[in-house]
Amino acid sequence: MTDWGRSRRAALMLGLGPVVIWTAACANSTATIPSATPSPSAASTTIAPGVSVNPSELALPPYSVSASNPLPAGTSAKQVVSDVIIDDLIENLALVRAAPELLMYSDSGGVLTIDRNQIATDESTGTRVISVEDSVSNMQVGAQADPNNSASKIAVLVQGTETTRERSPSHPPHTTVANFKVLVWVVWSKEDDRYLQCDVSTLS
């Protein structure tokens, strides 16, 4: 399972209705999203309290806008994609640090509940997430209402591969590599002045 999958393994419990899968021509290149580092360099960028990353980690993957479900007028596709990348970096570090307090800067609604529960489950089982690295092959943004949150009108189709390294009392450190394809809904946060993930559906 992946972070856009691993910590989403309860996604189907959110009671999502049918979702639209958009068709788009996607570039072949990928953007790698490594785990955020707690040791910022002089040129680092702060994305949340106590979370700084190298600007290269904020590079955008190939992305497009749905032709059949275009974004609402005035919505910046670039900002939506950028904010989802930032959300994922914060989320990954929250899992690595077992720090649920960081999730308020990346998540809202159902996603916040899923990730908090994931950290609590890891702690209760003695599982330690050592690192999480996402390689996003493409993203597509469009207008689609979240069936669980009337405030969310924008969804992002994210595809890629995630590499997770973890250990538990019954297993030595091991690495899992898994592909993911998820539809992530976002909602605007006035407090953070950007979009936060609020709901998710894992697609086959």
N, C-alpha and C. Protein backbone atom coordinates (compact mmCIF):
# COMPACT_ATOMS: atom_id res chain seq x y z
N MET A 1 0.85 -1.19 0.00
CA MET A 1 0.00 0.00 0.00
C MET A 1 0.89 1.24 0.00
N THR A 2 0.37 2.34 -0.50
CA THR A 2 1.17 3.55 -0.57
C THR A 2 0.60 4.62 0.34
N ASP A 3 1.37 5.72 0.50
CA ASP A 3 0.85 6.85 1.27
C ASP A 3 -0.36 7.41 0.53
N TRP A 4 -0.22 7.59 -0.79
CA TRP A 4 -1.39 7.88 -1.61
C TRP A 4 -2.00 6.51 -1.89
N GLY A 5 -2.04 5.65 -0.86
CA GLY A 5 -2.51 4.29 -0.97
C GLY A 5 -2.31 3.59 0.35
N ARG A 6 -1.08 3.61 0.89
CA ARG A 6 -0.77 2.96 2.17
C ARG A 6 -1.64 3.51 3.28
N SER A 7 -1.54 4.82 3.50
CA SER A 7 -2.35 5.42 4.56
C SER A 7 -3.77 5.67 4.09
N ARG A 8 -4.04 5.28 2.82
CA ARG A 8 -5.37 5.42 2.27
C ARG A 8 -6.12 4.09 2.27
N ARG A 9 -5.58 3.06 2.92
CA ARG A 9 -6.20 1.75 2.77
C ARG A 9 -7.61 1.73 3.33
N ALA A 10 -7.97 2.76 4.12
CA ALA A 10 -9.35 2.85 4.61
C ALA A 10 -10.19 3.77 3.75
N ALA A 11 -9.68 4.16 2.58
CA ALA A 11 -10.37 5.14 1.76
C ALA A 11 -11.77 4.70 1.38
N LEU A 12 -11.94 3.43 1.08
CA LEU A 12 -13.25 2.96 0.67
C LEU A 12 -14.26 3.04 1.81
N MET A 13 -13.79 3.19 3.03
CA MET A 13 -14.68 3.30 4.18
C MET A 13 -15.36 4.67 4.22
N LEU A 14 -14.88 5.61 3.38
CA LEU A 14 -15.45 6.94 3.39
C LEU A 14 -16.79 6.99 2.68
N GLY A 15 -17.18 5.88 2.05
CA GLY A 15 -18.50 5.84 1.42
C GLY A 15 -18.58 6.68 0.17
N LEU A 16 -17.52 6.69 -0.64
CA LEU A 16 -17.53 7.48 -1.86
C LEU A 16 -18.46 6.86 -2.88
N GLY A 17 -19.18 7.72 -3.60
CA GLY A 17 -20.02 7.25 -4.68
C GLY A 17 -19.19 7.05 -5.93
N PRO A 18 -19.83 6.83 -7.09
CA PRO A 18 -19.09 6.66 -8.34
C PRO A 18 -18.25 7.89 -8.64
N VAL A 19 -17.07 7.67 -9.19
CA VAL A 19 -16.20 8.78 -9.51
C VAL A 19 -15.93 8.80 -11.01
N VAL A 20 -15.61 9.97 -11.51
CA VAL A 20 -15.31 10.13 -12.92
C VAL A 20 -13.81 9.97 -13.13
N ILE A 21 -13.44 9.11 -14.06
CA ILE A 21 -12.02 8.97 -14.41
C ILE A 21 -11.82 9.72 -15.71
N TRP A 22 -11.02 10.77 -15.67
CA TRP A 22 -10.83 11.61 -16.85
C TRP A 22 -9.84 10.97 -17.81
N THR A 23 -9.99 11.28 -19.07
CA THR A 23 -9.06 10.80 -20.09
C THR A 23 -8.16 11.94 -20.50
N ALA A 24 -6.86 11.66 -20.51
CA ALA A 24 -5.90 12.70 -20.89
C ALA A 24 -4.63 12.07 -21.40
N ALA A 25 -3.94 12.80 -22.26
CA ALA A 25 -2.62 12.36 -22.72
C ALA A 25 -1.62 12.85 -21.71
N CYS A 26 -0.84 11.92 -21.13
CA CYS A 26 0.07 12.28 -20.05
C CYS A 26 1.51 12.11 -20.49
N ALA A 27 2.38 12.98 -20.02
CA ALA A 27 3.80 12.91 -20.36
C ALA A 27 4.41 11.67 -19.72
N ASN A 28 5.54 11.21 -20.29
CA ASN A 28 6.19 10.01 -19.79
C ASN A 28 7.15 10.28 -18.64
N SER A 29 7.56 11.53 -18.48
CA SER A 29 8.50 11.84 -17.42
C SER A 29 7.81 11.78 -16.08
N THR A 30 8.61 11.66 -15.02
CA THR A 30 8.06 11.59 -13.68
C THR A 30 8.73 12.62 -12.78
N ALA A 31 8.06 12.93 -11.70
CA ALA A 31 8.62 13.82 -10.68
C ALA A 31 8.70 13.03 -9.39
N THR A 32 9.88 12.95 -8.82
CA THR A 32 10.07 12.19 -7.59
C THR A 32 9.87 13.10 -6.39
N ILE A 33 9.07 12.63 -5.43
CA ILE A 33 8.78 13.39 -4.22
C ILE A 33 9.41 12.67 -3.05
N PRO A 34 10.64 13.00 -2.68
CA PRO A 34 11.27 12.31 -1.56
C PRO A 34 10.67 12.76 -0.24
N SER A 35 10.96 12.00 0.80
CA SER A 35 10.47 12.37 2.12
C SER A 35 11.07 13.71 2.53
N ALA A 36 10.24 14.56 3.15
CA ALA A 36 10.74 15.84 3.64
C ALA A 36 11.81 15.60 4.69
N THR A 37 12.80 16.48 4.73
CA THR A 37 13.90 16.28 5.67
C THR A 37 13.77 17.20 6.88
N PRO A 38 14.03 16.70 8.08
CA PRO A 38 13.97 17.56 9.26
C PRO A 38 15.23 18.39 9.44
N SER A 39 16.20 18.25 8.53
CA SER A 39 17.46 18.98 8.61
C SER A 39 17.59 19.92 7.43
N PRO A 40 16.93 21.06 7.46
CA PRO A 40 16.91 21.96 6.31
C PRO A 40 18.27 22.55 6.00
N SER A 41 18.52 22.78 4.71
CA SER A 41 19.75 23.45 4.30
C SER A 41 19.50 24.94 4.29
N ALA A 42 20.56 25.72 4.00
CA ALA A 42 20.43 27.16 4.02
C ALA A 42 19.43 27.64 2.97
N ALA A 43 19.27 26.87 1.88
CA ALA A 43 18.39 27.27 0.79
C ALA A 43 17.04 26.59 0.87
N SER A 44 16.72 26.01 2.02
CA SER A 44 15.49 25.24 2.14
C SER A 44 14.26 26.15 2.16
N THR A 45 13.12 25.54 1.86
CA THR A 45 11.84 26.23 1.87
C THR A 45 10.95 25.64 2.95
N THR A 46 10.40 26.49 3.81
CA THR A 46 9.53 26.01 4.88
C THR A 46 8.12 25.82 4.32
N ILE A 47 7.56 24.62 4.51
CA ILE A 47 6.22 24.33 4.01
C ILE A 47 5.22 24.10 5.15
N ALA A 48 5.72 23.97 6.36
CA ALA A 48 4.88 23.83 7.55
C ALA A 48 5.79 24.06 8.76
N PRO A 49 5.23 24.38 9.93
CA PRO A 49 6.08 24.57 11.10
C PRO A 49 6.96 23.34 11.36
N GLY A 50 8.27 23.57 11.35
CA GLY A 50 9.21 22.48 11.59
C GLY A 50 9.45 21.58 10.39
N VAL A 51 8.91 21.95 9.24
CA VAL A 51 9.09 21.14 8.02
C VAL A 51 9.67 22.02 6.92
N SER A 52 10.91 21.71 6.54
CA SER A 52 11.58 22.43 5.47
C SER A 52 12.10 21.44 4.43
N VAL A 53 12.06 21.83 3.17
CA VAL A 53 12.49 20.96 2.10
C VAL A 53 13.38 21.72 1.13
N ASN A 54 14.15 20.99 0.37
CA ASN A 54 14.91 21.59 -0.72
C ASN A 54 13.93 22.01 -1.80
N PRO A 55 14.10 23.19 -2.40
CA PRO A 55 13.16 23.63 -3.45
C PRO A 55 12.98 22.61 -4.57
N SER A 56 13.98 21.78 -4.81
CA SER A 56 13.87 20.78 -5.88
C SER A 56 12.76 19.76 -5.58
N GLU A 57 12.44 19.58 -4.30
CA GLU A 57 11.40 18.64 -3.92
C GLU A 57 10.00 19.17 -4.24
N LEU A 58 9.93 20.46 -4.58
CA LEU A 58 8.65 21.07 -4.90
C LEU A 58 8.40 21.13 -6.40
N ALA A 59 9.29 20.51 -7.19
CA ALA A 59 9.12 20.50 -8.64
C ALA A 59 7.79 19.83 -9.00
N LEU A 60 7.09 20.41 -9.96
CA LEU A 60 5.79 19.89 -10.35
C LEU A 60 5.93 18.74 -11.34
N PRO A 61 5.12 17.70 -11.19
CA PRO A 61 5.13 16.60 -12.16
C PRO A 61 4.37 17.02 -13.41
N PRO A 62 4.41 16.24 -14.47
CA PRO A 62 3.57 16.55 -15.64
C PRO A 62 2.10 16.56 -15.20
N TYR A 63 1.36 17.57 -15.64
CA TYR A 63 -0.04 17.64 -15.26
C TYR A 63 -0.87 18.26 -16.39
N SER A 64 -2.15 18.03 -16.33
CA SER A 64 -3.07 18.56 -17.33
C SER A 64 -4.40 18.90 -16.66
N VAL A 65 -5.25 19.59 -17.41
CA VAL A 65 -6.58 19.94 -16.92
C VAL A 65 -7.60 19.12 -17.70
N SER A 66 -8.55 18.55 -17.02
CA SER A 66 -9.57 17.73 -17.66
C SER A 66 -10.36 18.55 -18.68
N ALA A 67 -10.47 18.01 -19.90
CA ALA A 67 -11.25 18.68 -20.93
C ALA A 67 -12.75 18.51 -20.68
N SER A 68 -13.12 17.37 -20.11
CA SER A 68 -14.54 17.10 -19.86
C SER A 68 -15.04 17.68 -18.55
N ASN A 69 -14.11 17.90 -17.61
CA ASN A 69 -14.47 18.47 -16.31
C ASN A 69 -13.52 19.62 -15.99
N PRO A 70 -13.58 20.72 -16.76
CA PRO A 70 -12.64 21.83 -16.55
C PRO A 70 -12.80 22.46 -15.17
N LEU A 71 -11.71 23.06 -14.72
CA LEU A 71 -11.73 23.72 -13.42
C LEU A 71 -12.67 24.92 -13.41
N PRO A 72 -13.18 25.29 -12.24
CA PRO A 72 -14.01 26.50 -12.14
C PRO A 72 -13.21 27.71 -12.60
N ALA A 73 -13.88 28.67 -13.16
CA ALA A 73 -13.22 29.89 -13.64
C ALA A 73 -12.40 30.53 -12.54
N GLY A 74 -11.19 30.94 -12.88
CA GLY A 74 -10.32 31.60 -11.92
C GLY A 74 -9.47 30.67 -11.08
N THR A 75 -9.65 29.36 -11.22
CA THR A 75 -8.87 28.39 -10.44
C THR A 75 -7.56 28.09 -11.14
N SER A 76 -6.46 28.18 -10.43
CA SER A 76 -5.14 27.92 -10.99
C SER A 76 -4.80 26.44 -10.88
N ALA A 77 -4.67 25.77 -12.01
CA ALA A 77 -4.28 24.35 -12.01
C ALA A 77 -2.91 24.18 -11.39
N LYS A 78 -2.01 25.12 -11.68
CA LYS A 78 -0.65 25.04 -11.15
C LYS A 78 -0.67 25.09 -9.63
N GLN A 79 -1.50 25.97 -9.05
CA GLN A 79 -1.55 26.05 -7.60
C GLN A 79 -2.14 24.78 -7.00
N VAL A 80 -3.17 24.22 -7.62
CA VAL A 80 -3.76 22.99 -7.10
C VAL A 80 -2.72 21.89 -7.07
N VAL A 81 -1.99 21.72 -8.18
CA VAL A 81 -0.97 20.68 -8.26
C VAL A 81 0.13 20.93 -7.24
N SER A 82 0.60 22.18 -7.16
CA SER A 82 1.65 22.52 -6.21
C SER A 82 1.23 22.24 -4.78
N ASP A 83 0.00 22.60 -4.43
CA ASP A 83 -0.48 22.39 -3.07
C ASP A 83 -0.61 20.91 -2.74
N VAL A 84 -1.02 20.09 -3.70
CA VAL A 84 -1.13 18.65 -3.46
C VAL A 84 0.27 18.05 -3.22
N ILE A 85 1.27 18.54 -3.95
CA ILE A 85 2.65 18.08 -3.75
C ILE A 85 3.11 18.44 -2.33
N ILE A 86 2.82 19.68 -1.91
CA ILE A 86 3.20 20.12 -0.57
C ILE A 86 2.47 19.28 0.49
N ASP A 87 1.18 19.07 0.27
CA ASP A 87 0.41 18.26 1.21
C ASP A 87 1.04 16.88 1.38
N ASP A 88 1.45 16.27 0.27
CA ASP A 88 2.03 14.93 0.33
C ASP A 88 3.35 14.91 1.08
N LEU A 89 4.17 15.92 0.87
CA LEU A 89 5.44 16.00 1.58
C LEU A 89 5.22 16.09 3.10
N ILE A 90 4.28 16.94 3.50
CA ILE A 90 3.99 17.09 4.93
C ILE A 90 3.43 15.79 5.49
N GLU A 91 2.53 15.19 4.74
CA GLU A 91 1.89 13.96 5.16
C GLU A 91 2.93 12.84 5.35
N ASN A 92 3.84 12.70 4.38
CA ASN A 92 4.88 11.68 4.48
C ASN A 92 5.74 11.88 5.73
N LEU A 93 6.11 13.12 6.00
CA LEU A 93 6.95 13.38 7.17
C LEU A 93 6.17 13.12 8.46
N ALA A 94 4.88 13.42 8.46
CA ALA A 94 4.06 13.13 9.64
C ALA A 94 4.07 11.64 9.94
N LEU A 95 4.03 10.80 8.89
CA LEU A 95 4.08 9.36 9.08
C LEU A 95 5.45 8.92 9.59
N VAL A 96 6.51 9.50 9.02
CA VAL A 96 7.87 9.14 9.42
C VAL A 96 8.13 9.57 10.86
N ARG A 97 7.68 10.74 11.22
CA ARG A 97 7.90 11.25 12.58
C ARG A 97 6.87 10.74 13.58
N ALA A 98 5.83 10.08 13.07
CA ALA A 98 4.68 9.70 13.92
C ALA A 98 4.18 10.95 14.64
N ALA A 99 3.97 12.00 13.84
CA ALA A 99 3.58 13.31 14.38
C ALA A 99 2.23 13.74 13.81
N PRO A 100 1.13 13.29 14.40
CA PRO A 100 -0.19 13.64 13.87
C PRO A 100 -0.49 15.13 13.89
N GLU A 101 0.22 15.89 14.72
CA GLU A 101 -0.02 17.32 14.79
C GLU A 101 0.35 18.03 13.48
N LEU A 102 1.21 17.42 12.67
CA LEU A 102 1.59 18.02 11.39
C LEU A 102 0.48 17.91 10.35
N LEU A 103 -0.40 16.97 10.53
CA LEU A 103 -1.40 16.69 9.51
C LEU A 103 -2.38 17.83 9.30
N MET A 104 -2.54 18.71 10.28
CA MET A 104 -3.45 19.84 10.11
C MET A 104 -2.98 20.79 9.02
N TYR A 105 -1.70 20.67 8.63
CA TYR A 105 -1.15 21.54 7.59
C TYR A 105 -1.22 20.90 6.21
N SER A 106 -1.73 19.67 6.14
CA SER A 106 -1.84 18.99 4.84
C SER A 106 -3.22 18.42 4.58
N ASP A 107 -3.92 18.07 5.65
CA ASP A 107 -5.16 17.32 5.50
C ASP A 107 -6.36 18.02 6.14
N SER A 108 -7.53 17.58 5.67
CA SER A 108 -8.79 18.04 6.24
C SER A 108 -9.79 16.90 6.06
N GLY A 109 -10.90 16.97 6.76
CA GLY A 109 -11.97 16.02 6.56
C GLY A 109 -11.58 14.56 6.69
N GLY A 110 -12.04 13.74 5.71
CA GLY A 110 -11.81 12.31 5.75
C GLY A 110 -10.36 11.91 5.68
N VAL A 111 -9.56 12.64 4.89
CA VAL A 111 -8.14 12.31 4.78
C VAL A 111 -7.44 12.52 6.11
N LEU A 112 -7.79 13.56 6.82
CA LEU A 112 -7.20 13.82 8.13
C LEU A 112 -7.50 12.66 9.08
N THR A 113 -8.73 12.17 9.04
CA THR A 113 -9.11 11.04 9.89
C THR A 113 -8.32 9.79 9.53
N ILE A 114 -8.19 9.50 8.23
CA ILE A 114 -7.45 8.32 7.77
C ILE A 114 -6.00 8.37 8.25
N ASP A 115 -5.34 9.51 8.05
CA ASP A 115 -3.92 9.59 8.40
C ASP A 115 -3.68 9.58 9.90
N ARG A 116 -4.57 10.21 10.66
CA ARG A 116 -4.44 10.14 12.12
C ARG A 116 -4.60 8.69 12.59
N ASN A 117 -5.56 8.01 12.01
CA ASN A 117 -5.77 6.60 12.38
C ASN A 117 -4.58 5.74 11.98
N GLN A 118 -3.97 6.06 10.84
CA GLN A 118 -2.81 5.29 10.40
C GLN A 118 -1.65 5.43 11.38
N ILE A 119 -1.39 6.64 11.82
CA ILE A 119 -0.31 6.87 12.79
C ILE A 119 -0.62 6.16 14.11
N ALA A 120 -1.87 6.24 14.55
CA ALA A 120 -2.26 5.57 15.80
C ALA A 120 -2.11 4.06 15.67
N THR A 121 -2.46 3.51 14.50
CA THR A 121 -2.32 2.07 14.28
C THR A 121 -0.85 1.66 14.28
N ASP A 122 -0.01 2.45 13.62
CA ASP A 122 1.43 2.16 13.60
C ASP A 122 2.00 2.15 15.01
N GLU A 123 1.59 3.13 15.80
CA GLU A 123 2.11 3.20 17.17
C GLU A 123 1.63 2.01 18.00
N SER A 124 0.39 1.62 17.83
CA SER A 124 -0.15 0.52 18.62
C SER A 124 0.46 -0.82 18.26
N THR A 125 0.90 -0.97 17.01
CA THR A 125 1.50 -2.23 16.57
C THR A 125 3.02 -2.20 16.62
N GLY A 126 3.59 -1.05 16.97
CA GLY A 126 5.04 -0.93 17.03
C GLY A 126 5.68 -0.81 15.67
N THR A 127 4.90 -0.44 14.66
CA THR A 127 5.44 -0.26 13.30
C THR A 127 6.10 1.10 13.18
N ARG A 128 7.27 1.14 12.57
CA ARG A 128 8.00 2.40 12.39
C ARG A 128 8.19 2.64 10.89
N VAL A 129 7.65 3.75 10.40
CA VAL A 129 7.86 4.15 9.02
C VAL A 129 9.20 4.87 8.94
N ILE A 130 10.14 4.28 8.21
CA ILE A 130 11.49 4.84 8.12
C ILE A 130 11.56 5.92 7.04
N SER A 131 10.94 5.66 5.90
CA SER A 131 10.95 6.64 4.81
C SER A 131 9.80 6.36 3.86
N VAL A 132 9.37 7.43 3.17
CA VAL A 132 8.34 7.32 2.15
C VAL A 132 8.77 8.19 0.99
N GLU A 133 8.81 7.64 -0.21
CA GLU A 133 9.22 8.40 -1.39
C GLU A 133 8.23 8.14 -2.51
N ASP A 134 7.64 9.20 -3.03
CA ASP A 134 6.67 9.09 -4.11
C ASP A 134 7.27 9.57 -5.43
N SER A 135 7.01 8.82 -6.48
CA SER A 135 7.39 9.22 -7.83
C SER A 135 6.10 9.35 -8.63
N VAL A 136 5.70 10.58 -8.90
CA VAL A 136 4.43 10.84 -9.58
C VAL A 136 4.65 10.90 -11.08
N SER A 137 3.94 10.06 -11.83
CA SER A 137 4.10 10.04 -13.28
C SER A 137 3.25 11.11 -13.95
N ASN A 138 2.08 11.39 -13.39
CA ASN A 138 1.24 12.45 -13.94
C ASN A 138 0.10 12.78 -12.99
N MET A 139 -0.44 13.97 -13.18
CA MET A 139 -1.59 14.42 -12.41
C MET A 139 -2.55 15.12 -13.37
N GLN A 140 -3.83 15.02 -13.07
CA GLN A 140 -4.84 15.73 -13.85
C GLN A 140 -5.84 16.35 -12.90
N VAL A 141 -6.13 17.62 -13.11
CA VAL A 141 -7.05 18.34 -12.23
C VAL A 141 -8.34 18.64 -12.96
N GLY A 142 -9.41 18.73 -12.22
CA GLY A 142 -10.70 19.04 -12.83
C GLY A 142 -11.75 19.33 -11.78
N ALA A 143 -12.92 19.74 -12.24
CA ALA A 143 -14.03 20.04 -11.34
C ALA A 143 -14.84 18.78 -11.11
N GLN A 144 -14.96 18.40 -9.86
CA GLN A 144 -15.83 17.28 -9.49
C GLN A 144 -16.17 17.41 -8.01
N ALA A 145 -17.44 17.43 -7.71
CA ALA A 145 -17.88 17.60 -6.33
C ALA A 145 -17.54 16.38 -5.50
N ASP A 146 -17.05 16.62 -4.30
CA ASP A 146 -16.77 15.55 -3.35
C ASP A 146 -18.10 15.09 -2.76
N PRO A 147 -18.44 13.81 -2.89
CA PRO A 147 -19.71 13.33 -2.35
C PRO A 147 -19.81 13.40 -0.84
N ASN A 148 -18.65 13.61 -0.16
CA ASN A 148 -18.65 13.66 1.29
C ASN A 148 -18.42 15.06 1.86
N ASN A 149 -18.17 16.04 0.99
CA ASN A 149 -17.85 17.38 1.47
C ASN A 149 -18.33 18.40 0.45
N SER A 150 -19.40 19.08 0.75
CA SER A 150 -20.00 20.02 -0.19
C SER A 150 -19.10 21.21 -0.49
N ALA A 151 -18.10 21.45 0.37
CA ALA A 151 -17.20 22.59 0.16
C ALA A 151 -16.12 22.28 -0.87
N SER A 152 -15.95 21.01 -1.21
CA SER A 152 -14.89 20.62 -2.14
C SER A 152 -15.46 20.39 -3.53
N LYS A 153 -14.95 21.16 -4.50
CA LYS A 153 -15.43 21.07 -5.88
C LYS A 153 -14.33 20.68 -6.85
N ILE A 154 -13.12 20.44 -6.33
CA ILE A 154 -11.97 20.17 -7.19
C ILE A 154 -11.35 18.83 -6.82
N ALA A 155 -11.05 18.03 -7.84
CA ALA A 155 -10.42 16.73 -7.63
C ALA A 155 -9.16 16.63 -8.48
N VAL A 156 -8.22 15.80 -8.02
CA VAL A 156 -6.95 15.60 -8.72
C VAL A 156 -6.72 14.11 -8.88
N LEU A 157 -6.53 13.67 -10.12
CA LEU A 157 -6.20 12.28 -10.39
C LEU A 157 -4.67 12.17 -10.35
N VAL A 158 -4.17 11.34 -9.44
CA VAL A 158 -2.72 11.22 -9.23
C VAL A 158 -2.30 9.78 -9.50
N GLN A 159 -1.26 9.61 -10.32
CA GLN A 159 -0.74 8.28 -10.62
C GLN A 159 0.77 8.27 -10.42
N GLY A 160 1.28 7.15 -9.95
CA GLY A 160 2.72 7.04 -9.75
C GLY A 160 3.10 5.79 -8.98
N THR A 161 4.27 5.85 -8.40
CA THR A 161 4.81 4.72 -7.63
C THR A 161 5.34 5.24 -6.31
N GLU A 162 5.12 4.48 -5.25
CA GLU A 162 5.63 4.87 -3.95
C GLU A 162 6.52 3.78 -3.36
N THR A 163 7.62 4.22 -2.77
CA THR A 163 8.55 3.31 -2.10
C THR A 163 8.52 3.63 -0.61
N THR A 164 8.14 2.64 0.18
CA THR A 164 8.02 2.81 1.62
C THR A 164 8.96 1.84 2.33
N ARG A 165 9.72 2.35 3.27
CA ARG A 165 10.60 1.51 4.08
C ARG A 165 10.12 1.59 5.53
N GLU A 166 9.88 0.43 6.13
CA GLU A 166 9.40 0.41 7.51
C GLU A 166 9.87 -0.85 8.23
N ARG A 167 9.70 -0.85 9.53
CA ARG A 167 10.04 -2.03 10.32
C ARG A 167 9.00 -2.19 11.42
N SER A 168 8.90 -3.42 11.93
CA SER A 168 7.95 -3.71 13.00
C SER A 168 8.60 -4.70 13.95
N PRO A 169 8.01 -4.93 15.12
CA PRO A 169 8.61 -5.86 16.08
C PRO A 169 8.81 -7.27 15.51
N SER A 170 7.96 -7.64 14.56
CA SER A 170 8.05 -9.01 14.01
C SER A 170 8.79 -9.08 12.67
N HIS A 171 9.18 -7.92 12.13
CA HIS A 171 9.88 -7.92 10.85
C HIS A 171 11.04 -6.93 10.88
N PRO A 172 12.17 -7.30 10.27
CA PRO A 172 13.27 -6.35 10.15
C PRO A 172 12.90 -5.28 9.13
N PRO A 173 13.69 -4.23 9.00
CA PRO A 173 13.39 -3.20 7.99
C PRO A 173 13.17 -3.82 6.62
N HIS A 174 12.11 -3.43 5.96
CA HIS A 174 11.82 -3.95 4.64
C HIS A 174 11.24 -2.83 3.78
N THR A 175 11.39 -2.99 2.48
CA THR A 175 10.95 -1.97 1.53
C THR A 175 9.81 -2.50 0.68
N THR A 176 8.80 -1.67 0.51
CA THR A 176 7.65 -2.01 -0.32
C THR A 176 7.54 -0.98 -1.44
N VAL A 177 7.42 -1.48 -2.66
CA VAL A 177 7.23 -0.60 -3.82
C VAL A 177 5.86 -0.92 -4.42
N ALA A 178 5.02 0.09 -4.57
CA ALA A 178 3.67 -0.14 -5.07
C ALA A 178 3.22 1.01 -5.97
N ASN A 179 2.48 0.66 -7.01
CA ASN A 179 1.88 1.67 -7.87
C ASN A 179 0.61 2.19 -7.22
N PHE A 180 0.27 3.43 -7.49
CA PHE A 180 -0.98 3.98 -6.97
C PHE A 180 -1.69 4.79 -8.06
N LYS A 181 -3.00 4.81 -7.96
CA LYS A 181 -3.84 5.63 -8.83
C LYS A 181 -5.01 6.06 -7.96
N VAL A 182 -5.03 7.31 -7.59
CA VAL A 182 -6.04 7.80 -6.65
C VAL A 182 -6.67 9.09 -7.15
N LEU A 183 -7.88 9.31 -6.72
CA LEU A 183 -8.56 10.57 -6.98
C LEU A 183 -8.64 11.30 -5.64
N VAL A 184 -8.00 12.45 -5.58
CA VAL A 184 -7.90 13.22 -4.35
C VAL A 184 -8.73 14.50 -4.47
N TRP A 185 -9.60 14.72 -3.52
CA TRP A 185 -10.35 15.98 -3.48
C TRP A 185 -9.63 16.97 -2.57
N VAL A 186 -9.71 18.24 -2.94
CA VAL A 186 -9.07 19.29 -2.13
C VAL A 186 -10.10 20.36 -1.77
N VAL A 187 -9.80 21.06 -0.68
CA VAL A 187 -10.67 22.15 -0.24
C VAL A 187 -9.79 23.33 0.13
N TRP A 188 -10.26 24.52 -0.15
CA TRP A 188 -9.47 25.72 0.11
C TRP A 188 -9.45 26.02 1.60
N SER A 189 -8.26 26.30 2.14
CA SER A 189 -8.10 26.66 3.54
C SER A 189 -7.70 28.12 3.63
N LYS A 190 -8.56 28.94 4.21
CA LYS A 190 -8.23 30.36 4.38
C LYS A 190 -7.05 30.53 5.34
N GLU A 191 -7.00 29.69 6.36
CA GLU A 191 -5.92 29.81 7.35
C GLU A 191 -4.55 29.54 6.73
N ASP A 192 -4.48 28.55 5.84
CA ASP A 192 -3.21 28.17 5.23
C ASP A 192 -2.98 28.85 3.89
N ASP A 193 -4.02 29.47 3.34
CA ASP A 193 -3.95 30.16 2.05
C ASP A 193 -3.55 29.20 0.93
N ARG A 194 -4.06 27.99 0.99
CA ARG A 194 -3.81 27.01 -0.07
C ARG A 194 -4.81 25.85 0.09
N TYR A 195 -4.70 24.91 -0.84
CA TYR A 195 -5.61 23.76 -0.83
C TYR A 195 -5.07 22.64 0.06
N LEU A 196 -5.98 22.01 0.80
CA LEU A 196 -5.65 20.84 1.62
C LEU A 196 -6.43 19.64 1.09
N GLN A 197 -5.84 18.46 1.19
CA GLN A 197 -6.54 17.24 0.80
C GLN A 197 -7.66 16.97 1.80
N CYS A 198 -8.84 16.61 1.31
CA CYS A 198 -9.95 16.37 2.22
C CYS A 198 -10.63 15.03 2.01
N ASP A 199 -10.43 14.39 0.88
CA ASP A 199 -11.08 13.11 0.62
C ASP A 199 -10.29 12.38 -0.46
N VAL A 200 -10.49 11.06 -0.56
CA VAL A 200 -9.71 10.28 -1.51
C VAL A 200 -10.45 9.01 -1.88
N SER A 201 -10.23 8.59 -3.11
CA SER A 201 -10.76 7.30 -3.57
C SER A 201 -9.65 6.59 -4.33
N THR A 202 -9.40 5.32 -3.96
CA THR A 202 -8.41 4.53 -4.67
C THR A 202 -9.05 3.93 -5.90
N LEU A 203 -8.43 4.11 -7.07
CA LEU A 203 -8.97 3.64 -8.33
C LEU A 203 -8.20 2.41 -8.81
N SER A 204 -8.87 1.53 -9.51
CA SER A 204 -8.22 0.33 -10.03
C SER A 204 -7.59 0.64 -11.39
